[in-house]
C-alpha atoms as a PDB file:
ATOM      1  CA  UNK A   1      16.507  -6.281 -31.451  1.00  0.00           C
ATOM      2  CA  UNK A   2      13.177  -4.821 -30.377  1.00  0.00           C
ATOM      3  CA  UNK A   3      12.849  -1.061 -29.881  1.00  0.00           C
ATOM      4  CA  UNK A   4      12.524  -1.028 -26.082  1.00  0.00           C
ATOM      5  CA  UNK A   5      15.576  -3.248 -25.346  1.00  0.00           C
ATOM      6  CA  UNK A   6      17.613  -1.204 -27.860  1.00  0.00           C
ATOM      7  CA  UNK A   7      16.705   2.045 -26.053  1.00  0.00           C
ATOM      8  CA  UNK A   8      17.686   0.529 -22.704  1.00  0.00           C
ATOM      9  CA  UNK A   9      21.040  -0.591 -24.090  1.00  0.00           C
ATOM     10  CA  UNK A  10      21.764   2.886 -25.476  1.00  0.00           C
ATOM     11  CA  UNK A  11      20.851   4.502 -22.141  1.00  0.00           C
ATOM     12  CA  UNK A  12      23.241   2.174 -20.327  1.00  0.00           C
ATOM     13  CA  UNK A  13      26.100   2.999 -22.698  1.00  0.00           C
ATOM     14  CA  UNK A  14      25.551   6.745 -22.314  1.00  0.00           C
ATOM     15  CA  UNK A  15      25.432   6.487 -18.538  1.00  0.00           C
ATOM     16  CA  UNK A  16      28.663   4.560 -18.340  1.00  0.00           C
ATOM     17  CA  UNK A  17      30.437   7.079 -20.571  1.00  0.00           C
ATOM     18  CA  UNK A  18      33.331   4.705 -21.198  1.00  0.00           C
ATOM     19  CA  UNK A  19      33.774   3.906 -17.495  1.00  0.00           C
ATOM     20  CA  UNK A  20      33.624   0.312 -16.310  1.00  0.00           C
ATOM     21  CA  UNK A  21      31.121  -0.948 -13.760  1.00  0.00           C
ATOM     22  CA  UNK A  22      34.026  -1.768 -11.444  1.00  0.00           C
ATOM     23  CA  UNK A  23      34.699   1.964 -11.040  1.00  0.00           C
ATOM     24  CA  UNK A  24      31.119   2.832 -10.121  1.00  0.00           C
ATOM     25  CA  UNK A  25      29.788   3.456  -6.634  1.00  0.00           C
ATOM     26  CA  UNK A  26      26.921   0.960  -6.527  1.00  0.00           C
ATOM     27  CA  UNK A  27      24.142   1.022  -3.951  1.00  0.00           C
ATOM     28  CA  UNK A  28      20.711  -0.564  -3.898  1.00  0.00           C
ATOM     29  CA  UNK A  29      17.559  -0.177  -1.862  1.00  0.00           C
ATOM     30  CA  UNK A  30      13.763  -0.121  -1.693  1.00  0.00           C
ATOM     31  CA  UNK A  31      11.563   2.345  -3.538  1.00  0.00           C
ATOM     32  CA  UNK A  32       7.979   3.247  -2.751  1.00  0.00           C
ATOM     33  CA  UNK A  33       5.777   5.793  -4.414  1.00  0.00           C
ATOM     34  CA  UNK A  34       2.487   7.111  -5.673  1.00  0.00           C
ATOM     35  CA  UNK A  35       1.149   7.111  -9.224  1.00  0.00           C
ATOM     36  CA  UNK A  36      -1.423   9.630 -10.429  1.00  0.00           C
ATOM     37  CA  UNK A  37      -2.472   7.617 -13.447  1.00  0.00           C
ATOM     38  CA  UNK A  38      -4.534   8.439 -16.507  1.00  0.00           C
ATOM     39  CA  UNK A  39      -4.636   7.600 -20.215  1.00  0.00           C
ATOM     40  CA  UNK A  40      -4.643   9.325 -23.584  1.00  0.00           C
ATOM     41  CA  UNK A  41      -7.458   8.187 -25.905  1.00  0.00           C
ATOM     42  CA  UNK A  42      -7.417   8.877 -29.640  1.00  0.00           C
ATOM     43  CA  UNK A  43      -9.442   7.882 -32.693  1.00  0.00           C
ATOM     44  CA  UNK A  44      -7.840   6.623 -35.884  1.00  0.00           C
ATOM     45  CA  UNK A  45      -8.087  10.205 -37.247  1.00  0.00           C
ATOM     46  CA  UNK A  46      -6.160  11.389 -34.124  1.00  0.00           C
ATOM     47  CA  UNK A  47      -9.164  13.161 -32.643  1.00  0.00           C
ATOM     48  CA  UNK A  48     -10.200  12.635 -29.035  1.00  0.00           C
ATOM     49  CA  UNK A  49     -12.948  10.136 -28.247  1.00  0.00           C
ATOM     50  CA  UNK A  50     -16.066  11.165 -26.350  1.00  0.00           C
ATOM     51  CA  UNK A  51     -14.791   9.524 -23.153  1.00  0.00           C
ATOM     52  CA  UNK A  52     -13.193  11.906 -20.669  1.00  0.00           C
ATOM     53  CA  UNK A  53     -10.813   9.819 -18.512  1.00  0.00           C
ATOM     54  CA  UNK A  54      -9.876  11.023 -15.029  1.00  0.00           C
ATOM     55  CA  UNK A  55      -6.885  10.473 -12.752  1.00  0.00           C
ATOM     56  CA  UNK A  56      -6.724   7.706 -10.171  1.00  0.00           C
ATOM     57  CA  UNK A  57      -4.226   7.346  -7.309  1.00  0.00           C
ATOM     58  CA  UNK A  58      -2.312   4.063  -7.337  1.00  0.00           C
ATOM     59  CA  UNK A  59       0.784   2.566  -5.653  1.00  0.00           C
ATOM     60  CA  UNK A  60       4.238   1.674  -6.880  1.00  0.00           C
ATOM     61  CA  UNK A  61       6.870  -0.330  -4.979  1.00  0.00           C
ATOM     62  CA  UNK A  62      10.090  -2.165  -5.715  1.00  0.00           C
ATOM     63  CA  UNK A  63      13.869  -1.862  -5.658  1.00  0.00           C
ATOM     64  CA  UNK A  64      16.287   0.576  -7.321  1.00  0.00           C
ATOM     65  CA  UNK A  65      19.987   0.202  -8.083  1.00  0.00           C
ATOM     66  CA  UNK A  66      22.154   3.326  -8.195  1.00  0.00           C
ATOM     67  CA  UNK A  67      25.453   3.073 -10.088  1.00  0.00           C
ATOM     68  CA  UNK A  68      27.138   6.476  -9.726  1.00  0.00           C
ATOM     69  CA  UNK A  69      29.986   7.844 -11.858  1.00  0.00           C
ATOM     70  CA  UNK A  70      30.627  11.283 -10.386  1.00  0.00           C
ATOM     71  CA  UNK A  71      27.660  13.509 -11.182  1.00  0.00           C
ATOM     72  CA  UNK A  72      26.097  10.879 -13.460  1.00  0.00           C
ATOM     73  CA  UNK A  73      24.324   7.723 -12.371  1.00  0.00           C
ATOM     74  CA  UNK A  74      22.338   4.980 -14.021  1.00  0.00           C
ATOM     75  CA  UNK A  75      19.327   3.820 -12.042  1.00  0.00           C
ATOM     76  CA  UNK A  76      17.468   0.696 -13.155  1.00  0.00           C
ATOM     77  CA  UNK A  77      14.469  -0.256 -11.016  1.00  0.00           C
ATOM     78  CA  UNK A  78      12.225  -3.286 -10.777  1.00  0.00           C
ATOM     79  CA  UNK A  79       8.759  -2.159  -9.720  1.00  0.00           C
ATOM     80  CA  UNK A  80       5.206  -3.229  -9.274  1.00  0.00           C
ATOM     81  CA  UNK A  81       3.430  -0.190 -10.724  1.00  0.00           C
ATOM     82  CA  UNK A  82      -0.330   0.171 -10.832  1.00  0.00           C
ATOM     83  CA  UNK A  83      -1.809   2.365 -13.547  1.00  0.00           C
ATOM     84  CA  UNK A  84      -5.285   3.019 -14.900  1.00  0.00           C
ATOM     85  CA  UNK A  85      -8.017   5.635 -15.109  1.00  0.00           C
ATOM     86  CA  UNK A  86     -11.627   6.430 -14.262  1.00  0.00           C
ATOM     87  CA  UNK A  87     -14.511   7.114 -16.628  1.00  0.00           C
ATOM     88  CA  UNK A  88     -17.928   8.499 -15.756  1.00  0.00           C
ATOM     89  CA  UNK A  89     -20.850   8.515 -18.213  1.00  0.00           C
ATOM     90  CA  UNK A  90     -24.301   9.935 -17.653  1.00  0.00           C
ATOM     91  CA  UNK A  91     -27.380  10.068 -19.874  1.00  0.00           C
ATOM     92  CA  UNK A  92     -30.689  11.814 -19.206  1.00  0.00           C
ATOM     93  CA  UNK A  93     -34.053  11.664 -20.891  1.00  0.00           C
ATOM     94  CA  UNK A  94     -36.480  13.837 -18.978  1.00  0.00           C
ATOM     95  CA  UNK A  95     -36.863  12.379 -15.486  1.00  0.00           C
ATOM     96  CA  UNK A  96     -35.095   9.160 -16.485  1.00  0.00           C
ATOM     97  CA  UNK A  97     -31.327   8.849 -16.148  1.00  0.00           C
ATOM     98  CA  UNK A  98     -28.497   6.345 -16.407  1.00  0.00           C
ATOM     99  CA  UNK A  99     -25.085   6.851 -14.799  1.00  0.00           C
ATOM    100  CA  UNK A 100     -22.017   4.599 -14.733  1.00  0.00           C
ATOM    101  CA  UNK A 101     -18.634   5.080 -13.096  1.00  0.00           C
ATOM    102  CA  UNK A 102     -15.907   2.631 -14.092  1.00  0.00           C
ATOM    103  CA  UNK A 103     -12.450   2.461 -12.496  1.00  0.00           C
ATOM    104  CA  UNK A 104      -9.692   0.655 -14.385  1.00  0.00           C
ATOM    105  CA  UNK A 105      -6.760  -0.595 -12.253  1.00  0.00           C
ATOM    106  CA  UNK A 106      -3.931  -2.206 -14.211  1.00  0.00           C
ATOM    107  CA  UNK A 107      -0.942  -3.908 -12.613  1.00  0.00           C
ATOM    108  CA  UNK A 108       2.461  -3.905 -14.318  1.00  0.00           C
ATOM    109  CA  UNK A 109       5.854  -5.391 -13.522  1.00  0.00           C
ATOM    110  CA  UNK A 110       7.935  -2.472 -14.751  1.00  0.00           C
ATOM    111  CA  UNK A 111      11.614  -1.896 -15.552  1.00  0.00           C
ATOM    112  CA  UNK A 112      12.555   1.801 -15.883  1.00  0.00           C
ATOM    113  CA  UNK A 113      16.216   2.643 -16.612  1.00  0.00           C
ATOM    114  CA  UNK A 114      16.976   6.288 -15.870  1.00  0.00           C
ATOM    115  CA  UNK A 115      20.082   8.355 -16.488  1.00  0.00           C
ATOM    116  CA  UNK A 116      20.399  10.725 -13.508  1.00  0.00           C
ATOM    117  CA  UNK A 117      22.464  13.900 -13.170  1.00  0.00           C
ATOM    118  CA  UNK A 118      23.026  15.093  -9.578  1.00  0.00           C
ATOM    119  CA  UNK A 119      24.362  18.641  -9.192  1.00  0.00           C
ATOM    120  CA  UNK A 120      26.495  17.910  -6.134  1.00  0.00           C
ATOM    121  CA  UNK A 121      27.832  14.555  -7.229  1.00  0.00           C
ATOM    122  CA  UNK A 122      26.461  12.135  -4.640  1.00  0.00           C
ATOM    123  CA  UNK A 123      23.968  14.656  -3.198  1.00  0.00           C
ATOM    124  CA  UNK A 124      21.912  17.566  -4.469  1.00  0.00           C
ATOM    125  CA  UNK A 125      19.252  18.415  -7.026  1.00  0.00           C
ATOM    126  CA  UNK A 126      18.655  15.922  -9.837  1.00  0.00           C
ATOM    127  CA  UNK A 127      17.304  15.686 -13.335  1.00  0.00           C
ATOM    128  CA  UNK A 128      16.611  12.299 -14.876  1.00  0.00           C
ATOM    129  CA  UNK A 129      15.264  10.664 -18.016  1.00  0.00           C
ATOM    130  CA  UNK A 130      15.111   7.227 -19.552  1.00  0.00           C
ATOM    131  CA  UNK A 131      12.985   4.457 -21.076  1.00  0.00           C
ATOM    132  CA  UNK A 132      10.772   1.897 -19.399  1.00  0.00           C
ATOM    133  CA  UNK A 133       9.199  -1.451 -20.277  1.00  0.00           C
ATOM    134  CA  UNK A 134       6.203  -2.883 -18.432  1.00  0.00           C
ATOM    135  CA  UNK A 135       4.635  -6.343 -18.503  1.00  0.00           C
ATOM    136  CA  UNK A 136       0.974  -6.503 -17.510  1.00  0.00           C
ATOM    137  CA  UNK A 137       0.336  -8.936 -14.672  1.00  0.00           C
ATOM    138  CA  UNK A 138      -3.400  -8.419 -14.194  1.00  0.00           C
ATOM    139  CA  UNK A 139      -6.064  -5.926 -13.360  1.00  0.00           C
ATOM    140  CA  UNK A 140      -9.739  -5.256 -12.772  1.00  0.00           C
ATOM    141  CA  UNK A 141     -12.449  -2.903 -13.929  1.00  0.00           C
ATOM    142  CA  UNK A 142     -14.975  -2.069 -11.243  1.00  0.00           C
ATOM    143  CA  UNK A 143     -18.131  -0.382 -12.503  1.00  0.00           C
ATOM    144  CA  UNK A 144     -21.015   1.123 -10.521  1.00  0.00           C
ATOM    145  CA  UNK A 145     -24.286   2.080 -12.137  1.00  0.00           C
ATOM    146  CA  UNK A 146     -27.451   3.923 -11.142  1.00  0.00           C
ATOM    147  CA  UNK A 147     -30.644   3.781 -13.212  1.00  0.00           C
ATOM    148  CA  UNK A 148     -33.686   5.954 -12.610  1.00  0.00           C
ATOM    149  CA  UNK A 149     -36.778   5.103 -14.650  1.00  0.00           C
ATOM    150  CA  UNK A 150     -40.440   5.903 -14.041  1.00  0.00           C
ATOM    151  CA  UNK A 151     -39.525   7.321 -10.635  1.00  0.00           C
ATOM    152  CA  UNK A 152     -37.770   4.114  -9.534  1.00  0.00           C
ATOM    153  CA  UNK A 153     -34.007   4.116  -8.881  1.00  0.00           C
ATOM    154  CA  UNK A 154     -31.871   0.993  -8.997  1.00  0.00           C
ATOM    155  CA  UNK A 155     -28.141   0.655  -8.483  1.00  0.00           C
ATOM    156  CA  UNK A 156     -25.557  -2.081  -8.718  1.00  0.00           C
ATOM    157  CA  UNK A 157     -21.977  -2.951  -9.523  1.00  0.00           C
ATOM    158  CA  UNK A 158     -19.953  -5.243 -11.751  1.00  0.00           C
ATOM    159  CA  UNK A 159     -16.317  -6.389 -11.841  1.00  0.00           C
ATOM    160  CA  UNK A 160     -14.478  -7.430 -15.006  1.00  0.00           C
ATOM    161  CA  UNK A 161     -11.041  -9.067 -15.030  1.00  0.00           C
ATOM    162  CA  UNK A 162      -8.287  -7.566 -17.189  1.00  0.00           C
ATOM    163  CA  UNK A 163      -5.935  -9.822 -19.119  1.00  0.00           C
ATOM    164  CA  UNK A 164      -2.924  -8.831 -21.200  1.00  0.00           C
ATOM    165  CA  UNK A 165      -2.306 -10.248 -24.672  1.00  0.00           C
ATOM    166  CA  UNK A 166      -1.525  -9.047 -28.179  1.00  0.00           C
ATOM    167  CA  UNK A 167      -4.931 -10.243 -29.419  1.00  0.00           C
ATOM    168  CA  UNK A 168      -8.434 -10.538 -27.978  1.00  0.00           C
ATOM    169  CA  UNK A 169      -9.997 -13.955 -27.508  1.00  0.00           C
ATOM    170  CA  UNK A 170     -13.403 -15.021 -28.757  1.00  0.00           C
ATOM    171  CA  UNK A 171     -16.265 -15.604 -26.324  1.00  0.00           C
ATOM    172  CA  UNK A 172     -14.455 -14.099 -23.347  1.00  0.00           C
ATOM    173  CA  UNK A 173     -15.987 -11.925 -20.654  1.00  0.00           C
ATOM    174  CA  UNK A 174     -12.558 -10.522 -19.785  1.00  0.00           C
ATOM    175  CA  UNK A 175     -11.174  -7.194 -20.995  1.00  0.00           C
ATOM    176  CA  UNK A 176      -8.007  -7.656 -23.054  1.00  0.00           C
ATOM    177  CA  UNK A 177      -5.242  -5.051 -23.215  1.00  0.00           C
ATOM    178  CA  UNK A 178      -2.115  -5.135 -25.342  1.00  0.00           C
ATOM    179  CA  UNK A 179       1.377  -5.662 -24.025  1.00  0.00           C
ATOM    180  CA  UNK A 180       4.160  -4.936 -23.438  1.00  0.00           C
ATOM    181  CA  UNK A 181       3.708  -1.357 -22.307  1.00  0.00           C
ATOM    182  CA  UNK A 182       6.697   0.868 -23.027  1.00  0.00           C
ATOM    183  CA  UNK A 183       7.613   4.534 -23.060  1.00  0.00           C
ATOM    184  CA  UNK A 184       9.864   7.175 -21.516  1.00  0.00           C
ATOM    185  CA  UNK A 185      10.217   8.802 -18.081  1.00  0.00           C
ATOM    186  CA  UNK A 186      11.588  12.193 -17.077  1.00  0.00           C
ATOM    187  CA  UNK A 187      11.627  14.433 -14.037  1.00  0.00           C
ATOM    188  CA  UNK A 188      13.486  16.032 -11.153  1.00  0.00           C
ATOM    189  CA  UNK A 189      14.570  14.981  -7.697  1.00  0.00           C
ATOM    190  CA  UNK A 190      16.783  15.539  -4.709  1.00  0.00           C
ATOM    191  CA  UNK A 191      19.267  13.187  -3.029  1.00  0.00           C
ATOM    192  CA  UNK A 192      20.676  13.597   0.470  1.00  0.00           C
ATOM    193  CA  UNK A 193      22.604  10.816   2.181  1.00  0.00           C
ATOM    194  CA  UNK A 194      20.872   7.498   1.487  1.00  0.00           C
ATOM    195  CA  UNK A 195      17.511   9.147   0.675  1.00  0.00           C
ATOM    196  CA  UNK A 196      16.301  10.109  -2.792  1.00  0.00           C
ATOM    197  CA  UNK A 197      12.978  11.790  -3.588  1.00  0.00           C
ATOM    198  CA  UNK A 198      11.849  12.157  -7.195  1.00  0.00           C
ATOM    199  CA  UNK A 199       8.868  13.533  -9.105  1.00  0.00           C
ATOM    200  CA  UNK A 200       8.425  12.608 -12.748  1.00  0.00           C
ATOM    201  CA  UNK A 201       6.168  11.977 -15.684  1.00  0.00           C
ATOM    202  CA  UNK A 202       5.770   8.678 -17.512  1.00  0.00           C
ATOM    203  CA  UNK A 203       4.762   8.942 -21.171  1.00  0.00           C
ATOM    204  CA  UNK A 204       3.444   5.678 -22.585  1.00  0.00           C
ATOM    205  CA  UNK A 205       4.193   5.123 -26.271  1.00  0.00           C
ATOM    206  CA  UNK A 206       2.630   1.703 -26.789  1.00  0.00           C
ATOM    207  CA  UNK A 207      -1.010   1.258 -27.818  1.00  0.00           C
ATOM    208  CA  UNK A 208      -2.864  -0.598 -25.064  1.00  0.00           C
ATOM    209  CA  UNK A 209      -5.674  -1.681 -27.403  1.00  0.00           C
ATOM    210  CA  UNK A 210      -4.892  -5.153 -28.805  1.00  0.00           C
ATOM    211  CA  UNK A 211      -5.773  -6.638 -32.168  1.00  0.00           C
ATOM    212  CA  UNK A 212      -9.254  -8.111 -32.366  1.00  0.00           C
ATOM    213  CA  UNK A 213      -9.876 -11.862 -32.369  1.00  0.00           C
ATOM    214  CA  UNK A 214      -9.440 -11.887 -36.173  1.00  0.00           C
ATOM    215  CA  UNK A 215      -6.013 -10.271 -35.936  1.00  0.00           C
ATOM    216  CA  UNK A 216      -7.130  -6.879 -37.274  1.00  0.00           C
ATOM    217  CA  UNK A 217      -5.417  -3.770 -35.916  1.00  0.00           C
ATOM    218  CA  UNK A 218      -7.452  -1.459 -33.648  1.00  0.00           C
ATOM    219  CA  UNK A 219      -8.905   1.817 -34.915  1.00  0.00           C
ATOM    220  CA  UNK A 220      -8.199   3.718 -31.702  1.00  0.00           C
ATOM    221  CA  UNK A 221      -5.169   4.330 -29.523  1.00  0.00           C
ATOM    222  CA  UNK A 222      -4.998   4.102 -25.745  1.00  0.00           C
ATOM    223  CA  UNK A 223      -1.757   5.081 -23.989  1.00  0.00           C
ATOM    224  CA  UNK A 224      -0.698   5.318 -20.336  1.00  0.00           C
ATOM    225  CA  UNK A 225       0.029   8.723 -18.811  1.00  0.00           C
ATOM    226  CA  UNK A 226       1.342   8.778 -15.223  1.00  0.00           C
ATOM    227  CA  UNK A 227       2.588  11.453 -12.805  1.00  0.00           C
ATOM    228  CA  UNK A 228       4.951   9.689 -10.404  1.00  0.00           C
ATOM    229  CA  UNK A 229       6.278  10.486  -6.921  1.00  0.00           C
ATOM    230  CA  UNK A 230       8.819   8.168  -5.310  1.00  0.00           C
ATOM    231  CA  UNK A 231      11.115   7.840  -2.312  1.00  0.00           C
ATOM    232  CA  UNK A 232      14.163   5.544  -2.353  1.00  0.00           C
ATOM    233  CA  UNK A 233      16.624   4.495   0.341  1.00  0.00           C
ATOM    234  CA  UNK A 234      20.073   3.241  -0.765  1.00  0.00           C
ATOM    235  CA  UNK A 235      21.895   0.906   1.599  1.00  0.00           C
ATOM    236  CA  UNK A 236      25.631   1.494   1.826  1.00  0.00           C
ATOM    237  CA  UNK A 237      25.459   5.167   0.795  1.00  0.00           C
END
């Protein structure tokens, strides 16, 4: 059994606490939210690379199931979650300069499974934590550049498609990122009636850099880091 499915199974067992699903109060409903996404970049020696990634705002949307057992609940969700980051580079040599701004937007079909404790049982303040697994479904890198040389300024843009695979392909103009993405979530929230608002942090544990076309492991590490805000509505609450 792979690591991520094993973690999900353990979380489910803990949430149930020996109680059967038939005894749970089960509701389901839509979830929408906002991701403030970024990445962690490391060299092989664990030092930071020269790139300084910045946050981007991105959407999340899907459905959440709430299976409540008193103060405890297990909440698996199926989401489209967009992640990514922005990088700006600038070089100057006297009056000449070169500046690029690249925005990476990465789409994932994501399954988080959170164990939730609600202080008032069905309503009240919440704390939650759990694992997630994400499958990359596509993405794009949009880059803008401005070049000033000999007093003449030129600008332009370029778009590169993102594909997800465990290994890069030869002679491809696409950017390849590794998958699956996996990690852990944690945060706080509040539930009143059918509404639930949560704020959390998603810590990616998987390296997004794939093996090269020869099958060699990457020297660096690139991991997702996301601040998440979400609002859910549970029918039948």
